[in-house]
Amino acid sequence: MLIDGTRAQFIDPDIVDAIDDFLLSAKARNITVELRRSATSLNIHFKQEAAA
């Protein structure tokens, strides 16, 4: 499953919680999840940190 938040400007805190819960349970359910982030994302939850 791919969760692409690179263009999201706002994500309700309840949705962030649901995504976090899903990420925690996905492995036990044999679900591979990719969380796509971007350095240019306007949303802090999907903002990719600069490489050091």
N, C-alpha and C. Protein backbone atom coordinates (compact mmCIF):
# COMPACT_ATOMS: atom_id res chain seq x y z
N MET A 1 0.84 -1.16 0.00
CA MET A 1 0.00 0.00 0.00
C MET A 1 0.89 1.23 0.00
N LEU A 2 0.51 2.21 -0.76
CA LEU A 2 1.24 3.47 -0.83
C LEU A 2 0.38 4.57 -0.23
N ILE A 3 0.91 5.29 0.73
CA ILE A 3 0.26 6.48 1.28
C ILE A 3 1.10 7.66 0.83
N ASP A 4 0.55 8.42 -0.10
CA ASP A 4 1.28 9.54 -0.70
C ASP A 4 0.71 10.86 -0.16
N GLY A 5 1.45 11.49 0.71
CA GLY A 5 1.01 12.76 1.28
C GLY A 5 1.81 13.93 0.77
N THR A 6 2.51 13.74 -0.32
CA THR A 6 3.42 14.78 -0.81
C THR A 6 2.70 16.06 -1.22
N ARG A 7 1.43 15.97 -1.59
CA ARG A 7 0.71 17.17 -2.02
C ARG A 7 -0.32 17.64 -1.00
N ALA A 8 -0.37 16.97 0.14
CA ALA A 8 -1.35 17.32 1.17
C ALA A 8 -0.95 18.62 1.86
N GLN A 9 -1.88 19.52 1.95
CA GLN A 9 -1.62 20.78 2.66
C GLN A 9 -2.10 20.69 4.10
N PHE A 10 -3.16 19.91 4.34
CA PHE A 10 -3.70 19.76 5.68
C PHE A 10 -4.19 18.33 5.84
N ILE A 11 -3.88 17.74 6.98
CA ILE A 11 -4.41 16.42 7.32
C ILE A 11 -4.94 16.53 8.75
N ASP A 12 -6.21 16.21 8.92
CA ASP A 12 -6.84 16.27 10.23
C ASP A 12 -6.10 15.37 11.21
N PRO A 13 -5.93 15.79 12.45
CA PRO A 13 -5.22 14.97 13.44
C PRO A 13 -5.79 13.56 13.61
N ASP A 14 -7.11 13.41 13.45
CA ASP A 14 -7.71 12.08 13.53
C ASP A 14 -7.21 11.17 12.40
N ILE A 15 -6.99 11.74 11.22
CA ILE A 15 -6.48 10.97 10.09
C ILE A 15 -5.03 10.59 10.33
N VAL A 16 -4.25 11.50 10.89
CA VAL A 16 -2.85 11.21 11.22
C VAL A 16 -2.80 10.04 12.21
N ASP A 17 -3.68 10.06 13.21
CA ASP A 17 -3.74 8.96 14.18
C ASP A 17 -4.11 7.65 13.50
N ALA A 18 -5.06 7.70 12.58
CA ALA A 18 -5.48 6.48 11.87
C ALA A 18 -4.33 5.93 11.02
N ILE A 19 -3.59 6.81 10.36
CA ILE A 19 -2.44 6.38 9.57
C ILE A 19 -1.38 5.75 10.47
N ASP A 20 -1.10 6.39 11.60
CA ASP A 20 -0.12 5.85 12.55
C ASP A 20 -0.54 4.48 13.05
N ASP A 21 -1.81 4.33 13.40
CA ASP A 21 -2.32 3.03 13.86
C ASP A 21 -2.19 1.97 12.77
N PHE A 22 -2.51 2.36 11.54
CA PHE A 22 -2.41 1.42 10.42
C PHE A 22 -0.95 1.00 10.20
N LEU A 23 -0.03 1.96 10.27
CA LEU A 23 1.38 1.63 10.07
C LEU A 23 1.86 0.62 11.13
N LEU A 24 1.37 0.76 12.35
CA LEU A 24 1.76 -0.16 13.42
C LEU A 24 1.19 -1.57 13.21
N SER A 25 -0.03 -1.65 12.72
CA SER A 25 -0.68 -2.95 12.57
C SER A 25 -0.41 -3.63 11.23
N ALA A 26 0.07 -2.88 10.25
CA ALA A 26 0.24 -3.42 8.90
C ALA A 26 1.21 -4.60 8.86
N LYS A 27 2.31 -4.50 9.56
CA LYS A 27 3.31 -5.56 9.52
C LYS A 27 2.73 -6.88 10.03
N ALA A 28 1.99 -6.84 11.12
CA ALA A 28 1.38 -8.05 11.68
C ALA A 28 0.35 -8.64 10.72
N ARG A 29 -0.20 -7.80 9.86
CA ARG A 29 -1.22 -8.26 8.90
C ARG A 29 -0.60 -8.56 7.53
N ASN A 30 0.75 -8.56 7.49
CA ASN A 30 1.49 -8.86 6.27
C ASN A 30 1.17 -7.87 5.14
N ILE A 31 1.10 -6.61 5.50
CA ILE A 31 0.84 -5.54 4.53
C ILE A 31 2.08 -4.66 4.46
N THR A 32 2.62 -4.50 3.27
CA THR A 32 3.77 -3.63 3.06
C THR A 32 3.25 -2.22 2.79
N VAL A 33 3.78 -1.25 3.54
CA VAL A 33 3.32 0.14 3.41
C VAL A 33 4.51 1.02 3.08
N GLU A 34 4.31 1.87 2.07
CA GLU A 34 5.29 2.90 1.74
C GLU A 34 4.64 4.25 2.05
N LEU A 35 5.30 5.03 2.89
CA LEU A 35 4.82 6.36 3.22
C LEU A 35 5.66 7.34 2.41
N ARG A 36 5.04 7.94 1.41
CA ARG A 36 5.78 8.83 0.51
C ARG A 36 5.83 10.23 1.10
N ARG A 37 7.04 10.73 1.24
CA ARG A 37 7.29 12.07 1.78
C ARG A 37 8.02 12.91 0.74
N SER A 38 8.00 14.21 0.94
CA SER A 38 8.65 15.12 0.00
C SER A 38 9.24 16.32 0.76
N ALA A 39 10.38 16.77 0.32
CA ALA A 39 11.00 17.94 0.93
C ALA A 39 10.16 19.19 0.69
N THR A 40 9.32 19.17 -0.34
CA THR A 40 8.51 20.34 -0.67
C THR A 40 7.08 20.24 -0.14
N SER A 41 6.76 19.17 0.57
CA SER A 41 5.41 19.01 1.12
C SER A 41 5.08 20.16 2.06
N LEU A 42 3.85 20.62 2.02
CA LEU A 42 3.41 21.70 2.89
C LEU A 42 2.90 21.17 4.23
N ASN A 43 2.78 19.85 4.35
CA ASN A 43 2.26 19.23 5.56
C ASN A 43 3.40 18.64 6.38
N ILE A 44 3.47 18.97 7.67
CA ILE A 44 4.60 18.53 8.50
C ILE A 44 4.69 17.02 8.63
N HIS A 45 3.58 16.32 8.51
CA HIS A 45 3.59 14.86 8.66
C HIS A 45 4.21 14.16 7.44
N PHE A 46 4.22 14.85 6.31
CA PHE A 46 4.78 14.26 5.10
C PHE A 46 5.99 15.02 4.58
N LYS A 47 6.50 15.93 5.39
CA LYS A 47 7.70 16.68 5.01
C LYS A 47 8.92 15.80 5.23
N GLN A 48 9.69 15.60 4.18
CA GLN A 48 10.91 14.80 4.27
C GLN A 48 12.04 15.67 4.80
N GLU A 49 12.74 15.13 5.79
CA GLU A 49 13.86 15.87 6.35
C GLU A 49 15.02 15.86 5.36
N ALA A 50 15.77 16.94 5.34
CA ALA A 50 16.92 17.04 4.45
C ALA A 50 17.98 16.03 4.88
N ALA A 51 18.64 15.43 3.90
CA ALA A 51 19.70 14.47 4.18
C ALA A 51 20.91 15.20 4.78
N ALA A 52 21.49 14.58 5.78
CA ALA A 52 22.65 15.21 6.44
C ALA A 52 23.93 14.93 5.71
